[in-house]
Each structure stands twice: as structure tokens, then as C-alpha cells.
PDB file of all heavy atoms in Angstrom:
ATOM      1  N   ARG A   1      -3.466 -13.317   2.684  1.00  0.00           N
ATOM      2  CA  ARG A   1      -2.361 -12.585   2.062  1.00  0.00           C
ATOM      3  C   ARG A   1      -1.892 -13.286   0.789  1.00  0.00           C
ATOM      4  O   ARG A   1      -1.631 -12.640  -0.233  1.00  0.00           O
ATOM      5  CB  ARG A   1      -1.197 -12.453   3.047  1.00  0.00           C
ATOM      6  CG  ARG A   1      -1.480 -11.518   4.221  1.00  0.00           C
ATOM      7  CD  ARG A   1      -0.233 -11.231   5.042  1.00  0.00           C
ATOM      8  NE  ARG A   1      -0.536 -10.361   6.150  1.00  0.00           N
ATOM      9  CZ  ARG A   1      -0.589 -10.722   7.422  1.00  0.00           C
ATOM     10  NH1 ARG A   1      -0.335 -11.989   7.757  1.00  0.00           N
ATOM     11  NH2 ARG A   1      -0.882  -9.855   8.368  1.00  0.00           N
ATOM     12  N   LEU A   2      -1.767 -14.592   0.861  1.00  0.00           N
ATOM     13  CA  LEU A   2      -1.314 -15.341  -0.311  1.00  0.00           C
ATOM     14  C   LEU A   2      -2.346 -15.303  -1.429  1.00  0.00           C
ATOM     15  O   LEU A   2      -1.995 -15.254  -2.608  1.00  0.00           O
ATOM     16  CB  LEU A   2      -1.013 -16.791   0.081  1.00  0.00           C
ATOM     17  CG  LEU A   2       0.229 -16.988   0.963  1.00  0.00           C
ATOM     18  CD1 LEU A   2       0.276 -18.415   1.498  1.00  0.00           C
ATOM     19  CD2 LEU A   2       1.492 -16.663   0.183  1.00  0.00           C
ATOM     20  N   ALA A   3      -3.629 -15.314  -1.063  1.00  0.00           N
ATOM     21  CA  ALA A   3      -4.680 -15.290  -2.074  1.00  0.00           C
ATOM     22  C   ALA A   3      -4.794 -13.925  -2.747  1.00  0.00           C
ATOM     23  O   ALA A   3      -5.050 -13.823  -3.950  1.00  0.00           O
ATOM     24  CB  ALA A   3      -6.023 -15.671  -1.445  1.00  0.00           C
ATOM     25  N   SER A   4      -4.596 -12.855  -1.965  1.00  0.00           N
ATOM     26  CA  SER A   4      -4.742 -11.500  -2.502  1.00  0.00           C
ATOM     27  C   SER A   4      -3.453 -10.935  -3.070  1.00  0.00           C
ATOM     28  O   SER A   4      -3.465 -10.010  -3.888  1.00  0.00           O
ATOM     29  CB  SER A   4      -5.259 -10.559  -1.406  1.00  0.00           C
ATOM     30  OG  SER A   4      -4.282 -10.421  -0.376  1.00  0.00           O
ATOM     31  N   GLY A   5      -2.299 -11.486  -2.622  1.00  0.00           N
ATOM     32  CA  GLY A   5      -1.014 -10.951  -3.061  1.00  0.00           C
ATOM     33  C   GLY A   5      -0.626  -9.686  -2.329  1.00  0.00           C
ATOM     34  O   GLY A   5       0.351  -9.031  -2.684  1.00  0.00           O
ATOM     35  N   ARG A   6      -1.383  -9.326  -1.283  1.00  0.00           N
ATOM     36  CA  ARG A   6      -1.128  -8.099  -0.534  1.00  0.00           C
ATOM     37  C   ARG A   6      -0.727  -8.406   0.911  1.00  0.00           C
ATOM     38  O   ARG A   6      -1.222  -9.355   1.511  1.00  0.00           O
ATOM     39  CB  ARG A   6      -2.372  -7.205  -0.529  1.00  0.00           C
ATOM     40  CG  ARG A   6      -2.756  -6.709  -1.914  1.00  0.00           C
ATOM     41  CD  ARG A   6      -3.948  -5.751  -1.854  1.00  0.00           C
ATOM     42  NE  ARG A   6      -5.190  -6.446  -1.459  1.00  0.00           N
ATOM     43  CZ  ARG A   6      -5.790  -6.288  -0.290  1.00  0.00           C
ATOM     44  NH1 ARG A   6      -5.274  -5.498   0.629  1.00  0.00           N
ATOM     45  NH2 ARG A   6      -6.908  -6.936  -0.028  1.00  0.00           N
ATOM     46  N   GLN A   7       0.158  -7.560   1.436  1.00  0.00           N
ATOM     47  CA  GLN A   7       0.546  -7.708   2.842  1.00  0.00           C
ATOM     48  C   GLN A   7      -0.578  -7.267   3.774  1.00  0.00           C
ATOM     49  O   GLN A   7      -0.775  -7.839   4.833  1.00  0.00           O
ATOM     50  CB  GLN A   7       1.781  -6.838   3.148  1.00  0.00           C
ATOM     51  CG  GLN A   7       3.068  -7.267   2.494  1.00  0.00           C
ATOM     52  CD  GLN A   7       4.231  -6.441   2.991  1.00  0.00           C
ATOM     53  OE1 GLN A   7       4.267  -6.038   4.148  1.00  0.00           O
ATOM     54  NE2 GLN A   7       5.177  -6.186   2.113  1.00  0.00           N
ATOM     55  N   ASN A   8      -1.298  -6.228   3.365  1.00  0.00           N
ATOM     56  CA  ASN A   8      -2.253  -5.575   4.258  1.00  0.00           C
ATOM     57  C   ASN A   8      -3.672  -6.017   3.912  1.00  0.00           C
ATOM     58  O   ASN A   8      -4.193  -5.670   2.842  1.00  0.00           O
ATOM     59  CB  ASN A   8      -2.113  -4.060   4.126  1.00  0.00           C
ATOM     60  CG  ASN A   8      -0.647  -3.641   4.098  1.00  0.00           C
ATOM     61  OD1 ASN A   8       0.064  -3.841   5.060  1.00  0.00           O
ATOM     62  ND2 ASN A   8      -0.213  -3.075   2.981  1.00  0.00           N
ATOM     63  N   ILE A   9      -4.287  -6.756   4.790  1.00  0.00           N
ATOM     64  CA  ILE A   9      -5.589  -7.348   4.476  1.00  0.00           C
ATOM     65  C   ILE A   9      -6.719  -6.839   5.364  1.00  0.00           C
ATOM     66  O   ILE A   9      -7.849  -7.270   5.226  1.00  0.00           O
ATOM     67  CB  ILE A   9      -5.509  -8.887   4.591  1.00  0.00           C
ATOM     68  CG1 ILE A   9      -4.996  -9.294   5.969  1.00  0.00           C
ATOM     69  CG2 ILE A   9      -4.662  -9.466   3.475  1.00  0.00           C
ATOM     70  CD1 ILE A   9      -5.014 -10.776   6.220  1.00  0.00           C
ATOM     71  N   SER A  10      -6.411  -5.930   6.270  1.00  0.00           N
ATOM     72  CA  SER A  10      -7.445  -5.343   7.113  1.00  0.00           C
ATOM     73  C   SER A  10      -7.114  -3.875   7.338  1.00  0.00           C
ATOM     74  O   SER A  10      -5.952  -3.469   7.215  1.00  0.00           O
ATOM     75  CB  SER A  10      -7.542  -6.084   8.452  1.00  0.00           C
ATOM     76  OG  SER A  10      -6.356  -5.919   9.201  1.00  0.00           O
ATOM     77  N   PRO A  11      -8.116  -3.040   7.673  1.00  0.00           N
ATOM     78  CA  PRO A  11      -7.876  -1.606   7.830  1.00  0.00           C
ATOM     79  C   PRO A  11      -6.788  -1.261   8.842  1.00  0.00           C
ATOM     80  O   PRO A  11      -6.097  -0.264   8.692  1.00  0.00           O
ATOM     81  CB  PRO A  11      -9.243  -1.083   8.287  1.00  0.00           C
ATOM     82  CG  PRO A  11     -10.226  -2.056   7.721  1.00  0.00           C
ATOM     83  CD  PRO A  11      -9.546  -3.381   7.800  1.00  0.00           C
ATOM     84  N   GLY A  12      -6.621  -2.076   9.864  1.00  0.00           N
ATOM     85  CA  GLY A  12      -5.629  -1.772  10.879  1.00  0.00           C
ATOM     86  C   GLY A  12      -4.303  -2.482  10.694  1.00  0.00           C
ATOM     87  O   GLY A  12      -3.456  -2.485  11.588  1.00  0.00           O
ATOM     88  N   ASP A  13      -4.120  -3.083   9.539  1.00  0.00           N
ATOM     89  CA  ASP A  13      -2.930  -3.893   9.282  1.00  0.00           C
ATOM     90  C   ASP A  13      -1.810  -3.043   8.684  1.00  0.00           C
ATOM     91  O   ASP A  13      -1.923  -2.558   7.561  1.00  0.00           O
ATOM     92  CB  ASP A  13      -3.297  -5.027   8.314  1.00  0.00           C
ATOM     93  CG  ASP A  13      -2.294  -6.167   8.379  1.00  0.00           C
ATOM     94  OD1 ASP A  13      -1.387  -6.108   9.218  1.00  0.00           O
ATOM     95  OD2 ASP A  13      -2.436  -7.109   7.581  1.00  0.00           O
ATOM     96  N   ARG A  14      -0.741  -2.827   9.454  1.00  0.00           N
ATOM     97  CA  ARG A  14       0.435  -2.074   8.994  1.00  0.00           C
ATOM     98  C   ARG A  14       0.047  -0.718   8.413  1.00  0.00           C
ATOM     99  O   ARG A  14       0.421  -0.360   7.294  1.00  0.00           O
ATOM    100  CB  ARG A  14       1.195  -2.885   7.935  1.00  0.00           C
ATOM    101  CG  ARG A  14       1.724  -4.231   8.410  1.00  0.00           C
ATOM    102  CD  ARG A  14       2.448  -4.925   7.268  1.00  0.00           C
ATOM    103  NE  ARG A  14       3.084  -6.175   7.671  1.00  0.00           N
ATOM    104  CZ  ARG A  14       2.522  -7.369   7.571  1.00  0.00           C
ATOM    105  NH1 ARG A  14       1.298  -7.460   7.079  1.00  0.00           N
ATOM    106  NH2 ARG A  14       3.156  -8.457   7.947  1.00  0.00           N
ATOM    107  N   THR A  15      -0.715   0.056   9.172  1.00  0.00           N
ATOM    108  CA  THR A  15      -1.251   1.318   8.658  1.00  0.00           C
ATOM    109  C   THR A  15      -0.157   2.312   8.274  1.00  0.00           C
ATOM    110  O   THR A  15      -0.300   3.060   7.301  1.00  0.00           O
ATOM    111  CB  THR A  15      -2.181   1.964   9.692  1.00  0.00           C
ATOM    112  OG1 THR A  15      -1.477   2.073  10.949  1.00  0.00           O
ATOM    113  CG2 THR A  15      -3.426   1.123   9.893  1.00  0.00           C
ATOM    114  N   GLY A  16       0.931   2.345   9.029  1.00  0.00           N
ATOM    115  CA  GLY A  16       2.022   3.257   8.709  1.00  0.00           C
ATOM    116  C   GLY A  16       2.630   2.946   7.346  1.00  0.00           C
ATOM    117  O   GLY A  16       2.842   3.841   6.520  1.00  0.00           O
ATOM    118  N   SER A  17       2.900   1.682   7.106  1.00  0.00           N
ATOM    119  CA  SER A  17       3.474   1.266   5.823  1.00  0.00           C
ATOM    120  C   SER A  17       2.518   1.545   4.671  1.00  0.00           C
ATOM    121  O   SER A  17       2.931   1.945   3.577  1.00  0.00           O
ATOM    122  CB  SER A  17       3.813  -0.225   5.854  1.00  0.00           C
ATOM    123  OG  SER A  17       4.827  -0.491   6.799  1.00  0.00           O
ATOM    124  N   VAL A  18       1.219   1.342   4.941  1.00  0.00           N
ATOM    125  CA  VAL A  18       0.214   1.579   3.900  1.00  0.00           C
ATOM    126  C   VAL A  18       0.190   3.055   3.517  1.00  0.00           C
ATOM    127  O   VAL A  18       0.149   3.410   2.332  1.00  0.00           O
ATOM    128  CB  VAL A  18      -1.180   1.139   4.378  1.00  0.00           C
ATOM    129  CG1 VAL A  18      -2.248   1.573   3.377  1.00  0.00           C
ATOM    130  CG2 VAL A  18      -1.227  -0.369   4.558  1.00  0.00           C
ATOM    131  N   ALA A  19       0.238   3.937   4.517  1.00  0.00           N
ATOM    132  CA  ALA A  19       0.201   5.379   4.246  1.00  0.00           C
ATOM    133  C   ALA A  19       1.409   5.800   3.402  1.00  0.00           C
ATOM    134  O   ALA A  19       1.282   6.559   2.438  1.00  0.00           O
ATOM    135  CB  ALA A  19       0.178   6.148   5.561  1.00  0.00           C
ATOM    136  N   VAL A  20       2.590   5.296   3.778  1.00  0.00           N
ATOM    137  CA  VAL A  20       3.804   5.624   3.025  1.00  0.00           C
ATOM    138  C   VAL A  20       3.712   5.087   1.601  1.00  0.00           C
ATOM    139  O   VAL A  20       4.053   5.765   0.629  1.00  0.00           O
ATOM    140  CB  VAL A  20       5.049   5.059   3.733  1.00  0.00           C
ATOM    141  CG1 VAL A  20       6.286   5.221   2.857  1.00  0.00           C
ATOM    142  CG2 VAL A  20       5.263   5.751   5.076  1.00  0.00           C
ATOM    143  N   ALA A  21       3.234   3.855   1.473  1.00  0.00           N
ATOM    144  CA  ALA A  21       3.155   3.217   0.153  1.00  0.00           C
ATOM    145  C   ALA A  21       2.203   3.969  -0.769  1.00  0.00           C
ATOM    146  O   ALA A  21       2.504   4.165  -1.956  1.00  0.00           O
ATOM    147  CB  ALA A  21       2.700   1.765   0.305  1.00  0.00           C
ATOM    148  N   TYR A  22       1.039   4.404  -0.246  1.00  0.00           N
ATOM    149  CA  TYR A  22       0.090   5.119  -1.095  1.00  0.00           C
ATOM    150  C   TYR A  22       0.633   6.479  -1.519  1.00  0.00           C
ATOM    151  O   TYR A  22       0.365   6.952  -2.623  1.00  0.00           O
ATOM    152  CB  TYR A  22      -1.264   5.266  -0.403  1.00  0.00           C
ATOM    153  CG  TYR A  22      -2.166   4.087  -0.639  1.00  0.00           C
ATOM    154  CD1 TYR A  22      -2.545   3.252   0.398  1.00  0.00           C
ATOM    155  CD2 TYR A  22      -2.631   3.791  -1.916  1.00  0.00           C
ATOM    156  CE1 TYR A  22      -3.346   2.147   0.175  1.00  0.00           C
ATOM    157  CE2 TYR A  22      -3.441   2.694  -2.156  1.00  0.00           C
ATOM    158  CZ  TYR A  22      -3.806   1.875  -1.100  1.00  0.00           C
ATOM    159  OH  TYR A  22      -4.593   0.791  -1.335  1.00  0.00           O
ATOM    160  N   GLY A  23       1.400   7.111  -0.634  1.00  0.00           N
ATOM    161  CA  GLY A  23       2.051   8.361  -1.008  1.00  0.00           C
ATOM    162  C   GLY A  23       3.022   8.162  -2.155  1.00  0.00           C
ATOM    163  O   GLY A  23       3.077   8.958  -3.100  1.00  0.00           O
ATOM    164  N   MET A  24       3.779   7.071  -2.092  1.00  0.00           N
ATOM    165  CA  MET A  24       4.741   6.769  -3.144  1.00  0.00           C
ATOM    166  C   MET A  24       4.030   6.317  -4.422  1.00  0.00           C
ATOM    167  O   MET A  24       4.507   6.583  -5.526  1.00  0.00           O
ATOM    168  CB  MET A  24       5.731   5.703  -2.673  1.00  0.00           C
ATOM    169  CG  MET A  24       6.427   6.050  -1.408  1.00  0.00           C
ATOM    170  SD  MET A  24       8.208   6.014  -1.319  1.00  0.00           S
ATOM    171  CE  MET A  24       8.946   5.992  -2.829  1.00  0.00           C
ATOM    172  N   LYS A  25       2.881   5.644  -4.270  1.00  0.00           N
ATOM    173  CA  LYS A  25       2.124   5.236  -5.456  1.00  0.00           C
ATOM    174  C   LYS A  25       1.627   6.458  -6.226  1.00  0.00           C
ATOM    175  O   LYS A  25       1.630   6.474  -7.461  1.00  0.00           O
ATOM    176  CB  LYS A  25       0.923   4.366  -5.053  1.00  0.00           C
ATOM    177  CG  LYS A  25       1.251   2.906  -4.806  1.00  0.00           C
ATOM    178  CD  LYS A  25       0.005   2.064  -4.648  1.00  0.00           C
ATOM    179  CE  LYS A  25      -0.601   1.730  -5.990  1.00  0.00           C
ATOM    180  NZ  LYS A  25      -1.700   0.756  -5.887  1.00  0.00           N
ATOM    181  N   ALA A  26       1.215   7.490  -5.472  1.00  0.00           N
ATOM    182  CA  ALA A  26       0.757   8.722  -6.119  1.00  0.00           C
ATOM    183  C   ALA A  26       1.897   9.377  -6.894  1.00  0.00           C
ATOM    184  O   ALA A  26       1.728   9.820  -8.031  1.00  0.00           O
ATOM    185  CB  ALA A  26       0.210   9.687  -5.073  1.00  0.00           C
ATOM    186  N   GLU A  27       3.079   9.405  -6.275  1.00  0.00           N
ATOM    187  CA  GLU A  27       4.230   9.995  -6.952  1.00  0.00           C
ATOM    188  C   GLU A  27       4.650   9.140  -8.147  1.00  0.00           C
ATOM    189  O   GLU A  27       5.071   9.658  -9.181  1.00  0.00           O
ATOM    190  CB  GLU A  27       5.387  10.154  -5.973  1.00  0.00           C
ATOM    191  CG  GLU A  27       6.535  10.967  -6.517  1.00  0.00           C
ATOM    192  CD  GLU A  27       7.321  11.695  -5.448  1.00  0.00           C
ATOM    193  OE1 GLU A  27       6.921  11.661  -4.275  1.00  0.00           O
ATOM    194  OE2 GLU A  27       8.341  12.285  -5.794  1.00  0.00           O
ATOM    195  N   LEU A  28       4.538   7.840  -8.001  1.00  0.00           N
ATOM    196  CA  LEU A  28       4.882   6.929  -9.097  1.00  0.00           C
ATOM    197  C   LEU A  28       3.953   7.141 -10.282  1.00  0.00           C
ATOM    198  O   LEU A  28       4.395   7.164 -11.439  1.00  0.00           O
ATOM    199  CB  LEU A  28       4.790   5.477  -8.606  1.00  0.00           C
ATOM    200  CG  LEU A  28       5.105   4.377  -9.622  1.00  0.00           C
ATOM    201  CD1 LEU A  28       6.518   4.541 -10.157  1.00  0.00           C
ATOM    202  CD2 LEU A  28       4.942   2.991  -8.985  1.00  0.00           C
ATOM    203  N   ALA A  29       2.665   7.323 -10.013  1.00  0.00           N
ATOM    204  CA  ALA A  29       1.705   7.579 -11.086  1.00  0.00           C
ATOM    205  C   ALA A  29       2.049   8.881 -11.811  1.00  0.00           C
ATOM    206  O   ALA A  29       1.956   8.973 -13.038  1.00  0.00           O
ATOM    207  CB  ALA A  29       0.287   7.646 -10.520  1.00  0.00           C
ATOM    208  N   SER A  30       2.459   9.886 -11.023  1.00  0.00           N
ATOM    209  CA  SER A  30       2.855  11.161 -11.608  1.00  0.00           C
ATOM    210  C   SER A  30       4.088  11.011 -12.497  1.00  0.00           C
ATOM    211  O   SER A  30       4.174  11.604 -13.577  1.00  0.00           O
ATOM    212  CB  SER A  30       3.140  12.168 -10.486  1.00  0.00           C
ATOM    213  OG  SER A  30       3.584  13.403 -10.998  1.00  0.00           O
ATOM    214  N   LEU A  31       5.033  10.188 -12.062  1.00  0.00           N
ATOM    215  CA  LEU A  31       6.253   9.968 -12.842  1.00  0.00           C
ATOM    216  C   LEU A  31       5.956   9.260 -14.167  1.00  0.00           C
ATOM    217  O   LEU A  31       6.579   9.557 -15.192  1.00  0.00           O
ATOM    218  CB  LEU A  31       7.246   9.135 -12.032  1.00  0.00           C
ATOM    219  CG  LEU A  31       8.005   9.869 -10.928  1.00  0.00           C
ATOM    220  CD1 LEU A  31       8.825   8.880 -10.116  1.00  0.00           C
ATOM    221  CD2 LEU A  31       8.903  10.935 -11.524  1.00  0.00           C
ATOM    222  N   LYS A  32       5.019   8.325 -14.135  1.00  0.00           N
ATOM    223  CA  LYS A  32       4.672   7.605 -15.360  1.00  0.00           C
ATOM    224  C   LYS A  32       4.153   8.562 -16.430  1.00  0.00           C
ATOM    225  O   LYS A  32       4.535   8.491 -17.597  1.00  0.00           O
ATOM    226  CB  LYS A  32       3.630   6.517 -15.069  1.00  0.00           C
ATOM    227  CG  LYS A  32       4.183   5.324 -14.310  1.00  0.00           C
ATOM    228  CD  LYS A  32       3.105   4.289 -14.054  1.00  0.00           C
ATOM    229  CE  LYS A  32       3.669   3.073 -13.328  1.00  0.00           C
ATOM    230  NZ  LYS A  32       2.620   2.064 -13.051  1.00  0.00           N
TER     231      LYS A  32
END
């Protein structure tokens, strides 16, 4: 995690948070 700067380092790691975050990233890209 410290090397990558990411909380989620495996496919099963905090999947709920990842799904929400990617949804918001898509909206953020649209806002930009």
C-alpha cells in the first residue's frame, strides 16, 4: 500500500469502496 499509494491492492480488497470510488471518478472526469 505504501509503495503503490493505494488502499486497494488486491481484487477482493475493499470492493464496495472501490466500486463507489470508480463511480465518483467517472463523474469527476465528466465534471472536468
